[in-house]
Amino acid sequence: MRIKWRHRVVPAAPLALALLVATGCDSTPVARPKPAAAPPVSTSVARVCAEPPAGPAKAPAGAVTVDPGVVGDLAAKTENSPPNTTFWLRPGRHTLGPGPYDQVLPKEGNRYLGAPGAVLDGRRFSQYAFGGTARDVTIRYLTVQGFAAPHDEGVVNHDMADGWVIEHATIQHNSGAGLMAGARQQVRASCLRGNGQYGMNAYKTGDSIKGLLVEGNEITGNNTDDWERRQPGCGCTGGVKFWAVNGADVRGNWVHDNRGAGLWADNNNNDFRIEGNLLEANDGAALIYETSYNAVIRHNTIRRNNQVEGRAAAQDGDDFPYATVYVSEAGGEPRVRARTDKIEIYRNLLEDNWSGITLWENADRFCNSPANTSTGYCTLLVKDTARCARPAIAAAPLYADCRWKTQRVDIHDNRFVLDKSVVGCTAMCDRMAVLANFGTSPDWSPYRGERVAEAITHGQDNRWHDNVYVGPWKFVAHDPGRVVDFGQWQDAPYRQDAGSTLRARAGG
């Protein structure tokens, strides 16, 4: 769940912009070579919603044919067939039985293929389309729509079974989440559109999702039920939500126009590769990586995100630097096994978003703290949450291990472009930030005061370097009151963005 800024900070007067930046000059010496931040390698867009591929026009050999004219035919034939059966759904509108919980319960290895025009329709009455615990089920070329799943539940793979493959499918206009997820699930070349809460809720009871693949999908227009308005602060909206996933590849997707965040990894996720995606025009952040570990974020095009939520916060007088890429209590941790031991953000293009990248820690959020909104969870370094209590938490190793830390974040070779006339803003949309709040609670917390702000700013190996900035960028360090210009950001005590360049007037 995202932690919004609500805590007192140490007062600090904003620093004036240096003349060098105000005049729009390049602040790096002429002799220093400029970084060659490349655009993303992937320029194709997964336009699968507008151009879905057609399924087989005839039943494959040995397949069981499903008749749309017979109510509940798909569920009945599934029940009466052995595992590893292929089902071919004829063109037309298929429906389930008369009860709200009537659903298809696949058997292990079943395959479901939709003919051109085959639709499984929940009629805004049936809650779930495909459930059960059978492994290695495949769903291809089928439209699944109109199901009424409850909040936080999903329509396809409702029971989070392992090894499912969803490919060339259209999952749209359902309540709740279009998809749930299990271990080794593959979601490829599918349209996840206009669902009430999420396109996919990658959560599994027992936190056992490993090896998740999300590739080449269009994920758009989700959270139509506007859950953050209905339950303020729920942290329960967006295109895709990942929860305690260990190992995920998220690549080549077009994630756009979702209400809330585009992609949100929340709570003890680890070992993510997020690459080659187009993330654009989401109301909130394009990407949130929160209380999680070890990720590579590269070769993405990220544009026009966070303009709704960022603008709303600014209009409310909130000075927190709400960002388009938001790293919140998340960092690299060599003791947690992964393909990398840091969070590396590189060779991305961020263009005309509401602000850029924020690295944040809530000093009051740690294991056993009331501010830990992931109730009952602790870091991956402490198995027994009860150990994170006084007096032990004040000493090593628990002082370090009971807190999710934004550390070892390496931000380099990116291009950040901002034109305020395009974004339609005058202030607060131009921030790059590394900061924490002034720790205040609970009264036994060992992190009170400026300890965490000092650590995230100076002591946890968070680095920007070799980036290109185009536009009137400002930088926030330590706490929201410390807004500095590019020269001050590069100079002591922050010493950030070595090898980077800024052209302040171009682009805004």
Protein backbone atom coordinates (compact mmCIF):
# COMPACT_ATOMS: atom_id res chain seq x y z
CA MET A 1 0.00 0.00 0.00
CA ARG A 2 1.45 3.37 -0.90
CA ILE A 3 2.38 5.59 2.05
CA LYS A 4 1.35 9.16 1.41
CA TRP A 5 3.24 12.01 3.05
CA ARG A 6 1.61 12.75 6.38
CA HIS A 7 4.54 13.18 8.76
CA ARG A 8 6.36 16.15 10.27
CA VAL A 9 9.74 16.96 8.79
CA VAL A 10 12.67 18.96 10.04
CA PRO A 11 12.07 22.51 8.78
CA ALA A 12 14.46 23.67 6.11
CA ALA A 13 14.29 26.74 3.93
CA PRO A 14 14.10 26.05 0.19
CA LEU A 15 17.35 26.91 -1.56
CA ALA A 16 17.40 29.32 -4.47
CA LEU A 17 18.07 28.04 -7.96
CA ALA A 18 21.59 28.66 -9.13
CA LEU A 19 22.14 31.23 -11.90
CA LEU A 20 23.60 28.52 -14.08
CA VAL A 21 20.34 26.62 -14.11
CA ALA A 22 18.17 29.71 -14.37
CA THR A 23 19.92 30.73 -17.56
CA GLY A 24 19.47 27.28 -19.05
CA CYS A 25 23.17 26.53 -19.44
CA ASP A 26 24.66 23.08 -19.29
CA SER A 27 25.98 22.70 -15.75
CA THR A 28 28.69 20.19 -16.56
CA PRO A 29 32.13 21.28 -17.76
CA VAL A 30 32.58 21.47 -21.50
CA ALA A 31 35.38 18.93 -21.39
CA ARG A 32 33.22 16.28 -19.71
CA PRO A 33 31.61 13.90 -22.22
CA LYS A 34 27.84 13.91 -22.10
CA PRO A 35 26.16 10.61 -21.27
CA ALA A 36 24.55 8.88 -24.19
CA ALA A 37 21.29 7.84 -22.55
CA ALA A 38 19.70 5.68 -25.21
CA PRO A 39 15.99 5.34 -25.87
CA PRO A 40 14.38 1.99 -25.10
CA VAL A 41 15.26 -0.83 -27.43
CA SER A 42 11.62 -1.82 -27.87
CA THR A 43 9.50 0.48 -30.04
CA SER A 44 6.62 -1.86 -30.83
CA VAL A 45 3.33 -1.56 -28.96
CA ALA A 46 1.20 -4.48 -27.88
CA ARG A 47 -2.06 -3.30 -29.46
CA VAL A 48 -3.80 -6.53 -28.75
CA CYS A 49 -7.13 -5.03 -27.60
CA ALA A 50 -7.85 -3.40 -30.95
CA GLU A 51 -6.40 -6.23 -33.02
CA PRO A 52 -6.89 -9.53 -31.17
CA PRO A 53 -5.70 -12.56 -33.11
CA ALA A 54 -8.39 -15.05 -34.13
CA GLY A 55 -8.57 -18.51 -32.66
CA PRO A 56 -8.99 -21.73 -34.65
CA ALA A 57 -12.05 -21.67 -36.91
CA LYS A 58 -12.42 -25.45 -36.60
CA ALA A 59 -12.10 -27.75 -33.64
CA PRO A 60 -8.62 -29.27 -33.37
CA ALA A 61 -8.42 -33.03 -33.69
CA GLY A 62 -9.64 -34.73 -30.54
CA ALA A 63 -11.08 -31.56 -29.00
CA VAL A 64 -14.43 -31.47 -27.21
CA THR A 65 -16.76 -28.95 -28.85
CA VAL A 66 -18.66 -26.58 -26.54
CA ASP A 67 -22.06 -25.24 -27.65
CA PRO A 68 -22.99 -21.64 -26.76
CA GLY A 69 -26.67 -22.53 -27.08
CA VAL A 70 -26.51 -24.84 -24.05
CA VAL A 71 -26.36 -23.02 -20.72
CA GLY A 72 -23.48 -24.35 -18.61
CA ASP A 73 -22.17 -26.58 -21.40
CA LEU A 74 -18.53 -25.64 -20.78
CA ALA A 75 -18.61 -26.46 -17.06
CA ALA A 76 -20.54 -29.69 -17.59
CA LYS A 77 -18.25 -31.01 -20.32
CA THR A 78 -15.21 -30.09 -18.24
CA GLU A 79 -16.58 -32.11 -15.33
CA ASN A 80 -17.32 -35.10 -17.53
CA SER A 81 -13.98 -35.18 -19.37
CA PRO A 82 -10.60 -36.47 -18.18
CA PRO A 83 -7.54 -34.31 -17.46
CA ASN A 84 -5.49 -33.02 -20.41
CA THR A 85 -8.61 -32.51 -22.56
CA THR A 86 -8.78 -29.77 -25.17
CA PHE A 87 -12.06 -27.84 -25.41
CA TRP A 88 -13.03 -25.73 -28.42
CA LEU A 89 -15.69 -23.09 -27.81
CA ARG A 90 -17.83 -22.40 -30.85
CA PRO A 91 -18.44 -18.80 -31.96
CA GLY A 92 -21.10 -17.11 -29.86
CA ARG A 93 -21.97 -16.12 -26.30
CA HIS A 94 -21.36 -18.87 -23.76
CA THR A 95 -22.84 -18.68 -20.25
CA LEU A 96 -22.54 -20.64 -17.04
CA GLY A 97 -25.18 -22.19 -14.77
CA PRO A 98 -27.94 -20.40 -12.86
CA GLY A 99 -26.05 -19.91 -9.57
CA PRO A 100 -23.62 -17.01 -8.90
CA TYR A 101 -20.89 -19.50 -7.93
CA ASP A 102 -21.31 -21.77 -10.95
CA GLN A 103 -17.94 -21.78 -12.70
CA VAL A 104 -15.60 -23.91 -14.77
CA LEU A 105 -13.34 -26.15 -12.67
CA PRO A 106 -10.61 -27.34 -15.02
CA LYS A 107 -8.66 -30.54 -14.57
CA GLU A 108 -4.90 -30.71 -14.77
CA GLY A 109 -3.52 -29.92 -18.22
CA ASN A 110 -6.85 -28.86 -19.75
CA ARG A 111 -6.77 -26.50 -22.72
CA TYR A 112 -9.55 -24.06 -23.63
CA LEU A 113 -9.53 -22.58 -27.13
CA GLY A 114 -11.97 -19.96 -28.36
CA ALA A 115 -13.15 -19.90 -31.96
CA PRO A 116 -13.40 -16.47 -33.62
CA GLY A 117 -16.15 -14.62 -31.76
CA ALA A 118 -16.29 -17.00 -28.78
CA VAL A 119 -17.21 -15.12 -25.59
CA LEU A 120 -17.69 -16.47 -22.06
CA ASP A 121 -20.12 -13.97 -20.52
CA GLY A 122 -20.85 -13.71 -16.80
CA ARG A 123 -23.95 -11.57 -17.42
CA ARG A 124 -22.92 -9.36 -14.45
CA PHE A 125 -24.19 -12.25 -12.30
CA SER A 126 -21.70 -15.13 -12.26
CA GLN A 127 -18.80 -14.34 -9.97
CA TYR A 128 -16.02 -16.53 -11.38
CA ALA A 129 -15.19 -17.91 -14.81
CA PHE A 130 -12.36 -20.40 -14.14
CA GLY A 131 -11.40 -21.64 -10.66
CA GLY A 132 -10.10 -24.68 -8.83
CA THR A 133 -6.61 -25.90 -8.04
CA ALA A 134 -5.72 -27.87 -11.17
CA ARG A 135 -2.27 -27.10 -12.52
CA ASP A 136 -1.02 -26.31 -16.03
CA VAL A 137 -4.29 -25.11 -17.54
CA THR A 138 -4.20 -23.15 -20.80
CA ILE A 139 -6.72 -20.55 -22.01
CA ARG A 140 -6.26 -19.14 -25.52
CA TYR A 141 -8.21 -16.95 -27.94
CA LEU A 142 -11.16 -16.56 -25.58
CA THR A 143 -12.97 -13.41 -24.44
CA VAL A 144 -14.05 -13.51 -20.79
CA GLN A 145 -16.28 -10.63 -19.75
CA GLY A 146 -19.08 -9.44 -17.52
CA PHE A 147 -18.23 -11.40 -14.34
CA ALA A 148 -18.96 -9.98 -10.88
CA ALA A 149 -16.00 -11.01 -8.75
CA PRO A 150 -15.86 -9.46 -5.27
CA HIS A 151 -13.26 -6.91 -4.23
CA ASP A 152 -9.70 -8.32 -4.23
CA GLU A 153 -10.85 -11.53 -5.96
CA GLY A 154 -10.43 -12.54 -9.59
CA VAL A 155 -12.38 -14.02 -12.49
CA VAL A 156 -9.82 -16.22 -14.28
CA ASN A 157 -7.71 -18.57 -12.15
CA HIS A 158 -9.74 -17.46 -9.16
CA ASP A 159 -8.08 -19.99 -6.84
CA MET A 160 -4.52 -19.09 -7.87
CA ALA A 161 -3.50 -22.46 -9.28
CA ASP A 162 0.04 -22.95 -10.60
CA GLY A 163 1.35 -23.20 -14.12
CA TRP A 164 -1.55 -21.57 -15.99
CA VAL A 165 -1.00 -20.04 -19.43
CA ILE A 166 -3.30 -17.25 -20.59
CA GLU A 167 -2.50 -16.28 -24.17
CA HIS A 168 -4.26 -14.26 -26.87
CA ALA A 169 -7.18 -13.80 -24.48
CA THR A 170 -9.38 -10.78 -23.86
CA ILE A 171 -10.41 -10.38 -20.23
CA GLN A 172 -12.55 -7.31 -19.92
CA HIS A 173 -15.34 -5.46 -18.11
CA ASN A 174 -15.36 -7.67 -15.03
CA SER A 175 -15.62 -6.61 -11.39
CA GLY A 176 -12.65 -7.29 -9.14
CA ALA A 177 -9.54 -8.48 -10.95
CA GLY A 178 -9.62 -9.95 -14.43
CA LEU A 179 -6.91 -12.45 -13.44
CA MET A 180 -5.42 -13.94 -10.32
CA ALA A 181 -2.02 -15.65 -10.47
CA GLY A 182 -0.18 -18.76 -9.38
CA ALA A 183 3.43 -19.88 -9.57
CA ARG A 184 4.89 -20.22 -13.08
CA GLN A 185 1.91 -18.43 -14.58
CA GLN A 186 2.37 -16.98 -18.06
CA VAL A 187 0.20 -14.14 -19.33
CA ARG A 188 1.08 -13.36 -22.93
CA ALA A 189 -0.31 -11.28 -25.77
CA SER A 190 -3.62 -10.72 -23.98
CA CYS A 191 -5.95 -7.76 -23.48
CA LEU A 192 -6.71 -6.95 -19.83
CA ARG A 193 -9.16 -4.10 -20.22
CA GLY A 194 -11.69 -2.15 -18.21
CA ASN A 195 -11.85 -4.39 -15.15
CA GLY A 196 -13.31 -3.00 -11.95
CA GLN A 197 -10.20 -3.24 -9.78
CA TYR A 198 -7.12 -4.74 -11.48
CA GLY A 199 -6.25 -6.22 -14.81
CA MET A 200 -4.38 -8.84 -12.76
CA ASN A 201 -3.97 -9.34 -9.02
CA ALA A 202 -0.74 -11.34 -8.72
CA TYR A 203 -1.38 -12.59 -5.21
CA LYS A 204 -1.51 -16.20 -4.01
CA THR A 205 -2.51 -17.46 -0.61
CA GLY A 206 0.68 -18.47 1.19
CA ASP A 207 2.82 -16.01 -0.83
CA SER A 208 4.15 -18.75 -3.11
CA ILE A 209 4.18 -17.16 -6.57
CA LYS A 210 7.49 -17.81 -8.32
CA GLY A 211 8.50 -17.49 -11.94
CA LEU A 212 5.74 -15.18 -13.20
CA LEU A 213 5.81 -14.01 -16.83
CA VAL A 214 3.78 -11.02 -18.07
CA GLU A 215 4.71 -10.42 -21.69
CA GLY A 216 3.31 -8.53 -24.66
CA ASN A 217 -0.05 -7.64 -23.13
CA GLU A 218 -2.18 -4.53 -23.37
CA ILE A 219 -3.31 -3.54 -19.88
CA THR A 220 -5.65 -0.59 -20.05
CA GLY A 221 -8.52 1.22 -18.42
CA ASN A 222 -8.61 -0.86 -15.24
CA ASN A 223 -10.00 0.20 -11.85
CA THR A 224 -13.26 1.38 -13.37
CA ASP A 225 -14.85 1.10 -9.91
CA ASP A 226 -12.40 3.70 -8.54
CA TRP A 227 -11.56 1.83 -5.35
CA GLU A 228 -9.24 4.48 -3.93
CA ARG A 229 -12.19 6.85 -3.85
CA ARG A 230 -14.47 4.24 -2.31
CA GLN A 231 -11.86 3.13 0.23
CA PRO A 232 -9.35 5.98 0.63
CA GLY A 233 -5.84 4.74 1.22
CA CYS A 234 -6.64 1.12 0.37
CA GLY A 235 -3.70 0.81 -2.01
CA CYS A 236 -5.79 -1.62 -4.02
CA THR A 237 -5.97 -0.32 -7.58
CA GLY A 238 -4.24 -0.19 -10.92
CA GLY A 239 -3.27 -2.14 -13.98
CA VAL A 240 -1.40 -4.99 -12.22
CA LYS A 241 -0.69 -5.49 -8.50
CA PHE A 242 2.10 -7.87 -7.43
CA TRP A 243 2.23 -9.17 -3.87
CA ALA A 244 5.07 -11.33 -2.49
CA VAL A 245 6.12 -12.55 -5.95
CA ASN A 246 9.58 -14.10 -6.08
CA GLY A 247 10.86 -13.81 -9.63
CA ALA A 248 8.91 -11.99 -12.34
CA ASP A 249 9.62 -10.91 -15.89
CA VAL A 250 7.38 -8.06 -17.04
CA ARG A 251 8.31 -7.15 -20.58
CA GLY A 252 6.95 -5.73 -23.81
CA ASN A 253 3.59 -4.66 -22.36
CA TRP A 254 1.55 -1.56 -23.15
CA VAL A 255 0.21 -0.37 -19.80
CA HIS A 256 -1.91 2.71 -20.27
CA ASP A 257 -4.85 4.79 -19.12
CA ASN A 258 -5.40 2.87 -15.90
CA ARG A 259 -7.05 4.65 -12.99
CA GLY A 260 -4.31 4.54 -10.35
CA ALA A 261 -0.86 3.06 -10.87
CA GLY A 262 0.15 1.16 -13.99
CA LEU A 263 2.32 -1.51 -12.33
CA TRP A 264 2.51 -1.83 -8.54
CA ALA A 265 4.80 -4.30 -6.76
CA ASP A 266 3.82 -4.14 -3.10
CA ASN A 267 5.16 -6.16 -0.14
CA ASN A 268 8.13 -8.51 -0.23
CA ASN A 269 8.43 -8.94 -3.95
CA ASN A 270 11.88 -9.90 -5.19
CA ASP A 271 13.86 -10.43 -8.37
CA PHE A 272 11.84 -8.45 -10.93
CA ARG A 273 12.88 -7.54 -14.45
CA ILE A 274 10.68 -4.81 -15.88
CA GLU A 275 11.89 -4.06 -19.38
CA GLY A 276 10.81 -2.92 -22.82
CA ASN A 277 7.38 -1.74 -21.68
CA LEU A 278 5.43 1.31 -22.77
CA LEU A 279 3.87 2.84 -19.66
CA GLU A 280 1.75 5.86 -20.44
CA ALA A 281 -1.15 8.04 -19.36
CA ASN A 282 -1.87 6.19 -16.13
CA ASP A 283 -3.61 8.42 -13.58
CA GLY A 284 -1.05 7.56 -10.91
CA ALA A 285 2.54 6.39 -11.01
CA ALA A 286 3.68 4.33 -13.96
CA LEU A 287 5.53 2.02 -11.56
CA ILE A 288 5.59 1.60 -7.79
CA TYR A 289 8.15 -0.75 -6.23
CA GLU A 290 7.31 -0.89 -2.53
CA THR A 291 8.69 -2.79 0.49
CA SER A 292 10.40 -5.11 -1.99
CA TYR A 293 13.83 -6.21 -3.14
CA ASN A 294 16.22 -6.52 -6.09
CA ALA A 295 14.94 -5.39 -9.49
CA VAL A 296 16.13 -4.34 -12.93
CA ILE A 297 14.03 -1.63 -14.62
CA ARG A 298 15.37 -0.90 -18.06
CA HIS A 299 14.57 0.06 -21.66
CA ASN A 300 11.06 1.31 -20.82
CA THR A 301 9.29 4.29 -22.36
CA ILE A 302 7.38 6.10 -19.61
CA ARG A 303 5.32 9.12 -20.59
CA ARG A 304 2.41 11.30 -19.45
CA ASN A 305 1.85 9.38 -16.21
CA ASN A 306 0.78 10.61 -12.75
CA GLN A 307 -0.83 13.76 -14.08
CA VAL A 308 -4.15 13.13 -12.31
CA GLU A 309 -2.90 12.02 -8.88
CA GLY A 310 0.16 14.27 -8.83
CA ARG A 311 -1.88 17.32 -9.79
CA ALA A 312 -4.53 16.55 -7.16
CA ALA A 313 -1.91 16.32 -4.41
CA ALA A 314 -0.32 19.61 -5.48
CA GLN A 315 -3.68 21.35 -5.54
CA ASP A 316 -4.24 20.14 -1.97
CA GLY A 317 -1.00 21.85 -0.93
CA ASP A 318 0.90 18.60 -0.42
CA ASP A 319 4.63 19.14 -0.91
CA PHE A 320 5.55 15.47 -1.13
CA PRO A 321 7.29 14.68 -4.47
CA TYR A 322 4.78 12.17 -5.85
CA ALA A 323 6.65 10.47 -8.63
CA THR A 324 6.12 8.54 -11.82
CA VAL A 325 8.60 5.87 -10.72
CA TYR A 326 8.16 5.53 -6.97
CA VAL A 327 10.58 3.37 -4.98
CA SER A 328 9.18 3.15 -1.46
CA GLU A 329 11.04 1.24 1.27
CA ALA A 330 12.53 -1.00 -1.41
CA GLY A 331 16.11 -1.71 -2.33
CA GLY A 332 18.88 -4.05 -3.24
CA GLU A 333 19.70 -6.73 -0.70
CA PRO A 334 22.53 -9.23 -1.39
CA ARG A 335 21.21 -11.59 1.29
CA VAL A 336 17.98 -12.13 -0.65
CA ARG A 337 18.78 -14.40 -3.59
CA ALA A 338 18.00 -12.90 -7.00
CA ARG A 339 19.47 -12.20 -10.43
CA THR A 340 20.71 -8.84 -9.12
CA ASP A 341 21.58 -7.51 -5.68
CA LYS A 342 20.36 -3.95 -6.23
CA ILE A 343 17.61 -1.97 -7.86
CA GLU A 344 19.01 -0.78 -11.17
CA ILE A 345 17.01 1.76 -13.20
CA TYR A 346 18.70 2.47 -16.50
CA ARG A 347 18.25 3.35 -20.17
CA ASN A 348 14.65 4.41 -19.74
CA LEU A 349 12.97 7.39 -21.37
CA LEU A 350 10.72 9.39 -19.04
CA GLU A 351 8.86 12.12 -20.90
CA ASP A 352 6.28 14.68 -19.73
CA ASN A 353 5.25 12.86 -16.60
CA TRP A 354 4.30 14.47 -13.31
CA SER A 355 7.79 14.37 -11.75
CA GLY A 356 10.42 11.69 -12.19
CA ILE A 357 11.85 9.19 -9.70
CA THR A 358 11.37 9.37 -5.94
CA LEU A 359 13.28 7.20 -3.49
CA TRP A 360 11.40 7.28 -0.18
CA GLU A 361 11.42 5.73 3.25
CA ASN A 362 8.80 6.12 5.93
CA ALA A 363 10.83 6.17 9.13
CA ASP A 364 7.83 4.95 11.11
CA ARG A 365 7.20 1.89 8.92
CA PHE A 366 8.95 -1.27 10.11
CA CYS A 367 8.08 -4.70 11.47
CA ASN A 368 5.60 -4.46 14.37
CA SER A 369 5.04 -0.75 13.83
CA PRO A 370 1.47 0.60 13.59
CA ALA A 371 2.60 2.35 10.39
CA ASN A 372 3.31 -1.01 8.74
CA THR A 373 0.20 -1.29 6.59
CA SER A 374 1.21 -4.80 5.49
CA THR A 375 -0.28 -6.15 8.68
CA GLY A 376 1.50 -9.19 10.08
CA TYR A 377 4.37 -9.04 7.57
CA CYS A 378 8.02 -8.44 8.29
CA THR A 379 11.05 -8.07 6.07
CA LEU A 380 12.47 -11.11 4.28
CA LEU A 381 15.43 -10.93 6.66
CA VAL A 382 13.41 -11.58 9.82
CA LYS A 383 11.22 -14.68 9.96
CA ASP A 384 9.85 -14.09 13.45
CA THR A 385 8.11 -10.72 13.44
CA ALA A 386 7.87 -10.71 17.23
CA ARG A 387 11.66 -10.30 17.46
CA CYS A 388 11.32 -6.73 16.14
CA ALA A 389 10.53 -5.23 19.53
CA ARG A 390 12.40 -3.41 22.23
CA PRO A 391 15.02 -3.73 23.45
CA ALA A 392 16.42 -6.08 20.74
CA ILE A 393 15.36 -3.90 17.79
CA ALA A 394 17.68 -1.12 18.91
CA ALA A 395 20.80 -3.24 18.36
CA ALA A 396 22.38 -5.20 15.52
CA PRO A 397 21.28 -7.14 13.59
CA LEU A 398 17.60 -6.26 14.11
CA TYR A 399 18.15 -2.51 13.95
CA ALA A 400 18.98 -2.95 10.27
CA ASP A 401 16.90 -6.02 9.45
CA CYS A 402 13.51 -5.01 10.89
CA ARG A 403 13.22 -2.08 8.47
CA TRP A 404 12.53 -2.20 4.75
CA LYS A 405 15.30 0.00 3.38
CA THR A 406 15.55 2.02 0.20
CA GLN A 407 19.17 1.18 -0.51
CA ARG A 408 21.53 0.24 -3.34
CA VAL A 409 19.38 1.97 -5.97
CA ASP A 410 21.41 2.77 -9.09
CA ILE A 411 19.78 5.24 -11.51
CA HIS A 412 21.83 5.84 -14.62
CA ASP A 413 21.82 6.45 -18.37
CA ASN A 414 18.18 7.55 -18.42
CA ARG A 415 16.69 10.47 -20.29
CA PHE A 416 14.28 12.70 -18.36
CA VAL A 417 12.29 15.17 -20.47
CA LEU A 418 9.83 17.69 -19.05
CA ASP A 419 7.83 20.37 -20.84
CA LYS A 420 5.59 22.06 -18.29
CA SER A 421 3.37 23.43 -21.01
CA VAL A 422 2.61 19.86 -22.09
CA VAL A 423 2.03 18.64 -18.55
CA GLY A 424 0.03 21.78 -17.75
CA CYS A 425 1.72 22.69 -14.48
CA THR A 426 3.68 25.51 -12.91
CA ALA A 427 5.11 23.76 -9.85
CA MET A 428 5.57 20.39 -8.12
CA CYS A 429 5.72 18.40 -11.38
CA ASP A 430 9.48 18.75 -11.81
CA ARG A 431 10.96 16.74 -8.95
CA MET A 432 13.60 14.05 -8.59
CA ALA A 433 13.91 13.03 -4.95
CA VAL A 434 15.59 10.97 -2.23
CA LEU A 435 14.05 11.55 1.20
CA ALA A 436 12.41 10.31 4.37
CA ASN A 437 10.22 11.73 7.10
CA PHE A 438 11.17 12.71 10.64
CA GLY A 439 10.58 9.56 12.68
CA THR A 440 8.02 10.07 15.44
CA SER A 441 6.32 6.81 16.42
CA PRO A 442 5.86 4.52 18.17
CA ASP A 443 7.61 5.84 21.27
CA TRP A 444 9.87 2.75 21.40
CA SER A 445 11.02 3.12 17.79
CA PRO A 446 14.81 3.23 17.36
CA TYR A 447 14.32 5.19 14.11
CA ARG A 448 12.97 8.43 15.56
CA GLY A 449 14.32 11.78 14.46
CA GLU A 450 16.47 12.21 11.35
CA ARG A 451 18.13 8.79 11.42
CA VAL A 452 16.35 7.38 8.39
CA ALA A 453 16.49 10.63 6.41
CA GLU A 454 20.24 10.75 6.92
CA ALA A 455 20.62 7.08 6.01
CA ILE A 456 18.62 7.15 2.77
CA THR A 457 20.27 10.39 1.62
CA HIS A 458 23.88 9.72 2.56
CA GLY A 459 24.42 6.20 3.82
CA GLN A 460 22.54 3.61 1.78
CA ASP A 461 24.34 3.77 -1.57
CA ASN A 462 21.55 5.40 -3.59
CA ARG A 463 23.08 6.92 -6.73
CA TRP A 464 22.04 8.93 -9.77
CA HIS A 465 24.71 9.24 -12.47
CA ASP A 466 25.21 9.65 -16.23
CA ASN A 467 21.65 10.79 -16.93
CA VAL A 468 20.34 13.42 -19.34
CA TYR A 469 17.83 16.01 -18.09
CA VAL A 470 15.88 18.19 -20.47
CA GLY A 471 13.63 20.74 -18.79
CA PRO A 472 13.41 22.74 -15.57
CA TRP A 473 14.17 19.92 -13.15
CA LYS A 474 14.55 20.39 -9.40
CA PHE A 475 15.85 17.97 -6.81
CA VAL A 476 14.64 17.09 -3.33
CA ALA A 477 17.07 15.67 -0.79
CA HIS A 478 16.65 14.46 2.79
CA ASP A 479 13.13 15.90 3.35
CA PRO A 480 10.48 17.78 1.31
CA GLY A 481 11.75 21.17 2.46
CA ARG A 482 15.17 20.75 0.86
CA VAL A 483 14.66 21.63 -2.79
CA VAL A 484 17.93 22.20 -4.59
CA ASP A 485 19.10 23.04 -8.07
CA PHE A 486 21.19 20.80 -10.30
CA GLY A 487 24.53 22.29 -9.20
CA GLN A 488 23.69 21.86 -5.54
CA TRP A 489 22.46 18.31 -6.23
CA GLN A 490 25.83 17.49 -7.79
CA ASP A 491 27.86 19.25 -5.11
CA ALA A 492 28.54 18.28 -1.50
CA PRO A 493 26.91 16.95 0.58
CA TYR A 494 24.70 15.11 -1.93
CA ARG A 495 27.17 14.45 -4.76
CA GLN A 496 24.53 13.02 -7.07
CA ASP A 497 24.37 12.77 -10.87
CA ALA A 498 28.08 12.66 -11.63
CA GLY A 499 28.51 12.68 -15.39
CA SER A 500 24.93 13.87 -15.99
CA THR A 501 23.80 16.90 -17.98
CA LEU A 502 20.92 19.36 -17.67
CA ARG A 503 19.45 21.65 -20.31
CA ALA A 504 16.98 23.62 -18.25
CA ARG A 505 15.21 25.68 -20.90
CA ALA A 506 14.71 23.06 -23.55
CA GLY A 507 11.49 21.19 -23.01
CA GLY A 508 9.81 23.70 -20.70
